[in-house]
Amino acid sequence: QVQPVESGGGLVQAGGSLRLSCAASRSIFRINFAAWYRQAPGKQREFVAIISSGGSTNYAESVKGRFSISADNAKNTVYLQMNSLKPEDTAVYYCNANYFTIGGGKSDSWGQGTQVTVSS
Protein backbone atom coordinates (compact mmCIF):
# COMPACT_ATOMS: atom_id res chain seq x y z
CA GLN A 1 0.00 0.00 0.00
CA VAL A 2 1.06 3.56 -0.68
CA GLN A 3 0.33 5.72 2.33
CA PRO A 4 -1.01 9.24 1.89
CA VAL A 5 0.63 11.77 4.22
CA GLU A 6 -1.36 14.80 5.38
CA SER A 7 0.10 18.15 6.40
CA GLY A 8 -0.96 21.74 6.80
CA GLY A 9 -3.15 21.59 9.86
CA GLY A 10 -2.89 24.05 12.70
CA LEU A 11 -4.62 26.66 14.82
CA VAL A 12 -6.48 29.47 13.09
CA GLN A 13 -9.02 32.09 14.10
CA ALA A 14 -12.57 31.95 12.87
CA GLY A 15 -12.80 33.44 9.40
CA GLY A 16 -9.27 32.40 8.55
CA SER A 17 -7.91 29.96 6.00
CA LEU A 18 -5.76 26.85 5.88
CA ARG A 19 -4.59 24.60 3.08
CA LEU A 20 -4.19 20.91 3.78
CA SER A 21 -2.00 18.68 1.65
CA CYS A 22 -2.19 14.94 1.06
CA ALA A 23 0.93 13.57 -0.63
CA ALA A 24 1.70 10.02 -1.69
CA SER A 25 4.48 8.58 0.46
CA ARG A 26 6.26 7.14 -2.57
CA SER A 27 6.09 7.19 -6.35
CA ILE A 28 2.80 6.26 -7.96
CA PHE A 29 1.48 6.13 -11.50
CA ARG A 30 -1.34 8.59 -10.80
CA ILE A 31 -4.13 9.47 -8.42
CA ASN A 32 -7.40 7.64 -9.13
CA PHE A 33 -9.48 9.53 -6.61
CA ALA A 34 -9.01 11.04 -3.18
CA ALA A 35 -11.27 12.28 -0.44
CA TRP A 36 -11.03 14.25 2.75
CA TYR A 37 -12.88 13.25 5.88
CA ARG A 38 -12.89 14.76 9.35
CA GLN A 39 -13.59 13.60 12.86
CA ALA A 40 -14.41 15.93 15.71
CA PRO A 41 -14.07 14.81 19.35
CA GLY A 42 -16.91 12.52 20.32
CA LYS A 43 -18.30 12.39 16.78
CA GLN A 44 -18.16 9.97 13.90
CA ARG A 45 -15.88 10.51 10.97
CA GLU A 46 -17.68 12.45 8.25
CA PHE A 47 -17.15 13.07 4.57
CA VAL A 48 -15.83 16.50 3.54
CA ALA A 49 -14.86 16.46 -0.14
CA ILE A 50 -13.80 14.16 -2.97
CA ILE A 51 -12.02 14.55 -6.29
CA SER A 52 -11.88 12.03 -9.12
CA SER A 53 -9.16 11.42 -11.68
CA GLY A 54 -11.17 13.44 -14.18
CA GLY A 55 -11.32 16.39 -11.84
CA SER A 56 -14.93 16.02 -10.76
CA THR A 57 -15.54 17.18 -7.21
CA ASN A 58 -18.21 16.82 -4.59
CA TYR A 59 -18.59 18.42 -1.18
CA ALA A 60 -20.47 18.02 2.03
CA GLU A 61 -23.21 20.62 2.35
CA SER A 62 -21.56 22.05 5.45
CA VAL A 63 -18.44 23.10 3.53
CA LYS A 64 -19.81 24.00 0.09
CA GLY A 65 -18.69 27.44 -0.99
CA ARG A 66 -15.96 27.55 1.65
CA PHE A 67 -13.72 24.55 0.91
CA SER A 68 -12.12 23.57 -2.37
CA ILE A 69 -10.44 20.26 -3.25
CA SER A 70 -7.84 20.04 -6.00
CA ALA A 71 -5.13 17.70 -7.24
CA ASP A 72 -1.64 18.19 -8.65
CA ASN A 73 -0.84 14.97 -10.48
CA ALA A 74 2.73 16.07 -11.17
CA LYS A 75 3.29 16.20 -7.41
CA ASN A 76 0.98 13.26 -6.57
CA THR A 77 -0.69 15.57 -4.08
CA VAL A 78 -4.28 16.47 -3.25
CA TYR A 79 -5.13 19.74 -1.52
CA LEU A 80 -8.01 21.00 0.56
CA GLN A 81 -8.25 24.79 0.62
CA MET A 82 -10.37 25.82 3.58
CA ASN A 83 -11.65 29.40 3.74
CA SER A 84 -14.02 31.19 6.10
CA LEU A 85 -13.27 28.64 8.77
CA LYS A 86 -15.70 28.20 11.64
CA PRO A 87 -15.19 26.72 15.13
CA GLU A 88 -17.35 23.78 14.07
CA ASP A 89 -14.72 22.90 11.43
CA THR A 90 -12.41 21.90 14.28
CA ALA A 91 -11.48 18.24 13.78
CA VAL A 92 -8.78 15.83 12.74
CA TYR A 93 -8.78 15.79 8.95
CA TYR A 94 -7.97 12.54 7.17
CA CYS A 95 -7.09 11.84 3.56
CA ASN A 96 -8.30 8.67 1.88
CA ALA A 97 -6.42 8.17 -1.37
CA ASN A 98 -6.86 5.61 -4.13
CA TYR A 99 -3.81 5.38 -6.34
CA PHE A 100 -2.82 3.59 -9.50
CA THR A 101 0.57 2.20 -8.54
CA ILE A 102 3.65 1.75 -10.67
CA GLY A 103 3.36 -1.82 -11.88
CA GLY A 104 -0.33 -1.68 -12.64
CA GLY A 105 -1.94 -2.23 -9.26
CA LYS A 106 -4.10 -0.09 -7.03
CA SER A 107 -3.64 1.16 -3.51
CA ASP A 108 -6.35 2.49 -1.20
CA SER A 109 -5.39 3.71 2.23
CA TRP A 110 -5.83 6.40 4.88
CA GLY A 111 -3.39 8.94 6.19
CA GLN A 112 -2.63 9.51 9.83
CA GLY A 113 -4.63 12.73 10.03
CA THR A 114 -3.83 16.36 10.70
CA GLN A 115 -5.42 18.49 13.42
CA VAL A 116 -7.33 21.64 12.49
CA THR A 117 -8.42 23.88 15.35
CA VAL A 118 -10.52 26.99 14.73
CA SER A 119 -10.82 29.42 17.62
CA SER A 120 -13.77 31.74 18.04
C-alpha atoms as a PDB file:
ATOM      1  CA  GLN A   1       0.000   0.000   0.000  1.00  0.00           C
ATOM      2  CA  VAL A   2       1.065   3.559  -0.677  1.00  0.00           C
ATOM      3  CA  GLN A   3       0.333   5.716   2.332  1.00  0.00           C
ATOM      4  CA  PRO A   4      -1.014   9.245   1.894  1.00  0.00           C
ATOM      5  CA  VAL A   5       0.627  11.766   4.218  1.00  0.00           C
ATOM      6  CA  GLU A   6      -1.359  14.800   5.377  1.00  0.00           C
ATOM      7  CA  SER A   7       0.095  18.146   6.395  1.00  0.00           C
ATOM      8  CA  GLY A   8      -0.963  21.742   6.803  1.00  0.00           C
ATOM      9  CA  GLY A   9      -3.155  21.589   9.863  1.00  0.00           C
ATOM     10  CA  GLY A  10      -2.891  24.051  12.704  1.00  0.00           C
ATOM     11  CA  LEU A  11      -4.620  26.656  14.816  1.00  0.00           C
ATOM     12  CA  VAL A  12      -6.477  29.475  13.089  1.00  0.00           C
ATOM     13  CA  GLN A  13      -9.015  32.086  14.101  1.00  0.00           C
ATOM     14  CA  ALA A  14     -12.574  31.948  12.867  1.00  0.00           C
ATOM     15  CA  GLY A  15     -12.804  33.439   9.398  1.00  0.00           C
ATOM     16  CA  GLY A  16      -9.270  32.399   8.553  1.00  0.00           C
ATOM     17  CA  SER A  17      -7.909  29.957   5.997  1.00  0.00           C
ATOM     18  CA  LEU A  18      -5.757  26.847   5.884  1.00  0.00           C
ATOM     19  CA  ARG A  19      -4.591  24.604   3.084  1.00  0.00           C
ATOM     20  CA  LEU A  20      -4.185  20.909   3.779  1.00  0.00           C
ATOM     21  CA  SER A  21      -2.004  18.679   1.645  1.00  0.00           C
ATOM     22  CA  CYS A  22      -2.187  14.938   1.055  1.00  0.00           C
ATOM     23  CA  ALA A  23       0.929  13.574  -0.627  1.00  0.00           C
ATOM     24  CA  ALA A  24       1.700  10.023  -1.692  1.00  0.00           C
ATOM     25  CA  SER A  25       4.477   8.576   0.463  1.00  0.00           C
ATOM     26  CA  ARG A  26       6.260   7.138  -2.570  1.00  0.00           C
ATOM     27  CA  SER A  27       6.089   7.194  -6.347  1.00  0.00           C
ATOM     28  CA  ILE A  28       2.801   6.255  -7.961  1.00  0.00           C
ATOM     29  CA  PHE A  29       1.479   6.129 -11.497  1.00  0.00           C
ATOM     30  CA  ARG A  30      -1.340   8.586 -10.802  1.00  0.00           C
ATOM     31  CA  ILE A  31      -4.132   9.469  -8.419  1.00  0.00           C
ATOM     32  CA  ASN A  32      -7.396   7.641  -9.127  1.00  0.00           C
ATOM     33  CA  PHE A  33      -9.484   9.534  -6.610  1.00  0.00           C
ATOM     34  CA  ALA A  34      -9.008  11.042  -3.179  1.00  0.00           C
ATOM     35  CA  ALA A  35     -11.265  12.276  -0.439  1.00  0.00           C
ATOM     36  CA  TRP A  36     -11.035  14.253   2.752  1.00  0.00           C
ATOM     37  CA  TYR A  37     -12.881  13.252   5.884  1.00  0.00           C
ATOM     38  CA  ARG A  38     -12.890  14.756   9.349  1.00  0.00           C
ATOM     39  CA  GLN A  39     -13.589  13.595  12.859  1.00  0.00           C
ATOM     40  CA  ALA A  40     -14.411  15.930  15.714  1.00  0.00           C
ATOM     41  CA  PRO A  41     -14.074  14.810  19.348  1.00  0.00           C
ATOM     42  CA  GLY A  42     -16.913  12.516  20.318  1.00  0.00           C
ATOM     43  CA  LYS A  43     -18.304  12.395  16.784  1.00  0.00           C
ATOM     44  CA  GLN A  44     -18.165   9.968  13.897  1.00  0.00           C
ATOM     45  CA  ARG A  45     -15.879  10.509  10.972  1.00  0.00           C
ATOM     46  CA  GLU A  46     -17.675  12.452   8.249  1.00  0.00           C
ATOM     47  CA  PHE A  47     -17.151  13.075   4.569  1.00  0.00           C
ATOM     48  CA  VAL A  48     -15.835  16.498   3.544  1.00  0.00           C
ATOM     49  CA  ALA A  49     -14.859  16.455  -0.140  1.00  0.00           C
ATOM     50  CA  ILE A  50     -13.801  14.163  -2.970  1.00  0.00           C
ATOM     51  CA  ILE A  51     -12.019  14.555  -6.290  1.00  0.00           C
ATOM     52  CA  SER A  52     -11.883  12.031  -9.124  1.00  0.00           C
ATOM     53  CA  SER A  53      -9.157  11.416 -11.683  1.00  0.00           C
ATOM     54  CA  GLY A  54     -11.173  13.436 -14.182  1.00  0.00           C
ATOM     55  CA  GLY A  55     -11.319  16.395 -11.843  1.00  0.00           C
ATOM     56  CA  SER A  56     -14.935  16.016 -10.755  1.00  0.00           C
ATOM     57  CA  THR A  57     -15.545  17.175  -7.214  1.00  0.00           C
ATOM     58  CA  ASN A  58     -18.215  16.823  -4.593  1.00  0.00           C
ATOM     59  CA  TYR A  59     -18.587  18.421  -1.180  1.00  0.00           C
ATOM     60  CA  ALA A  60     -20.472  18.020   2.031  1.00  0.00           C
ATOM     61  CA  GLU A  61     -23.212  20.623   2.354  1.00  0.00           C
ATOM     62  CA  SER A  62     -21.558  22.050   5.449  1.00  0.00           C
ATOM     63  CA  VAL A  63     -18.441  23.100   3.526  1.00  0.00           C
ATOM     64  CA  LYS A  64     -19.814  24.002   0.094  1.00  0.00           C
ATOM     65  CA  GLY A  65     -18.692  27.438  -0.989  1.00  0.00           C
ATOM     66  CA  ARG A  66     -15.958  27.547   1.653  1.00  0.00           C
ATOM     67  CA  PHE A  67     -13.722  24.546   0.907  1.00  0.00           C
ATOM     68  CA  SER A  68     -12.119  23.568  -2.372  1.00  0.00           C
ATOM     69  CA  ILE A  69     -10.437  20.264  -3.248  1.00  0.00           C
ATOM     70  CA  SER A  70      -7.837  20.036  -6.003  1.00  0.00           C
ATOM     71  CA  ALA A  71      -5.128  17.704  -7.239  1.00  0.00           C
ATOM     72  CA  ASP A  72      -1.642  18.193  -8.650  1.00  0.00           C
ATOM     73  CA  ASN A  73      -0.836  14.973 -10.479  1.00  0.00           C
ATOM     74  CA  ALA A  74       2.728  16.070 -11.174  1.00  0.00           C
ATOM     75  CA  LYS A  75       3.291  16.195  -7.406  1.00  0.00           C
ATOM     76  CA  ASN A  76       0.982  13.264  -6.574  1.00  0.00           C
ATOM     77  CA  THR A  77      -0.694  15.572  -4.083  1.00  0.00           C
ATOM     78  CA  VAL A  78      -4.278  16.474  -3.250  1.00  0.00           C
ATOM     79  CA  TYR A  79      -5.133  19.740  -1.522  1.00  0.00           C
ATOM     80  CA  LEU A  80      -8.010  21.004   0.559  1.00  0.00           C
ATOM     81  CA  GLN A  81      -8.247  24.788   0.620  1.00  0.00           C
ATOM     82  CA  MET A  82     -10.368  25.820   3.580  1.00  0.00           C
ATOM     83  CA  ASN A  83     -11.651  29.397   3.741  1.00  0.00           C
ATOM     84  CA  SER A  84     -14.023  31.188   6.101  1.00  0.00           C
ATOM     85  CA  LEU A  85     -13.274  28.636   8.773  1.00  0.00           C
ATOM     86  CA  LYS A  86     -15.697  28.200  11.642  1.00  0.00           C
ATOM     87  CA  PRO A  87     -15.186  26.725  15.126  1.00  0.00           C
ATOM     88  CA  GLU A  88     -17.347  23.777  14.069  1.00  0.00           C
ATOM     89  CA  ASP A  89     -14.718  22.900  11.432  1.00  0.00           C
ATOM     90  CA  THR A  90     -12.405  21.895  14.280  1.00  0.00           C
ATOM     91  CA  ALA A  91     -11.483  18.237  13.782  1.00  0.00           C
ATOM     92  CA  VAL A  92      -8.783  15.829  12.742  1.00  0.00           C
ATOM     93  CA  TYR A  93      -8.776  15.791   8.953  1.00  0.00           C
ATOM     94  CA  TYR A  94      -7.975  12.538   7.171  1.00  0.00           C
ATOM     95  CA  CYS A  95      -7.095  11.844   3.563  1.00  0.00           C
ATOM     96  CA  ASN A  96      -8.299   8.665   1.878  1.00  0.00           C
ATOM     97  CA  ALA A  97      -6.423   8.167  -1.369  1.00  0.00           C
ATOM     98  CA  ASN A  98      -6.857   5.614  -4.132  1.00  0.00           C
ATOM     99  CA  TYR A  99      -3.812   5.384  -6.336  1.00  0.00           C
ATOM    100  CA  PHE A 100      -2.821   3.592  -9.495  1.00  0.00           C
ATOM    101  CA  THR A 101       0.574   2.201  -8.535  1.00  0.00           C
ATOM    102  CA  ILE A 102       3.653   1.748 -10.665  1.00  0.00           C
ATOM    103  CA  GLY A 103       3.361  -1.823 -11.880  1.00  0.00           C
ATOM    104  CA  GLY A 104      -0.326  -1.681 -12.640  1.00  0.00           C
ATOM    105  CA  GLY A 105      -1.938  -2.232  -9.261  1.00  0.00           C
ATOM    106  CA  LYS A 106      -4.096  -0.090  -7.029  1.00  0.00           C
ATOM    107  CA  SER A 107      -3.641   1.157  -3.505  1.00  0.00           C
ATOM    108  CA  ASP A 108      -6.348   2.487  -1.204  1.00  0.00           C
ATOM    109  CA  SER A 109      -5.390   3.712   2.234  1.00  0.00           C
ATOM    110  CA  TRP A 110      -5.826   6.400   4.878  1.00  0.00           C
ATOM    111  CA  GLY A 111      -3.393   8.939   6.189  1.00  0.00           C
ATOM    112  CA  GLN A 112      -2.627   9.514   9.832  1.00  0.00           C
ATOM    113  CA  GLY A 113      -4.631  12.731  10.033  1.00  0.00           C
ATOM    114  CA  THR A 114      -3.835  16.362  10.698  1.00  0.00           C
ATOM    115  CA  GLN A 115      -5.419  18.488  13.415  1.00  0.00           C
ATOM    116  CA  VAL A 116      -7.331  21.639  12.495  1.00  0.00           C
ATOM    117  CA  THR A 117      -8.422  23.877  15.345  1.00  0.00           C
ATOM    118  CA  VAL A 118     -10.525  26.986  14.732  1.00  0.00           C
ATOM    119  CA  SER A 119     -10.815  29.416  17.622  1.00  0.00           C
ATOM    120  CA  SER A 120     -13.771  31.736  18.045  1.00  0.00           C
END
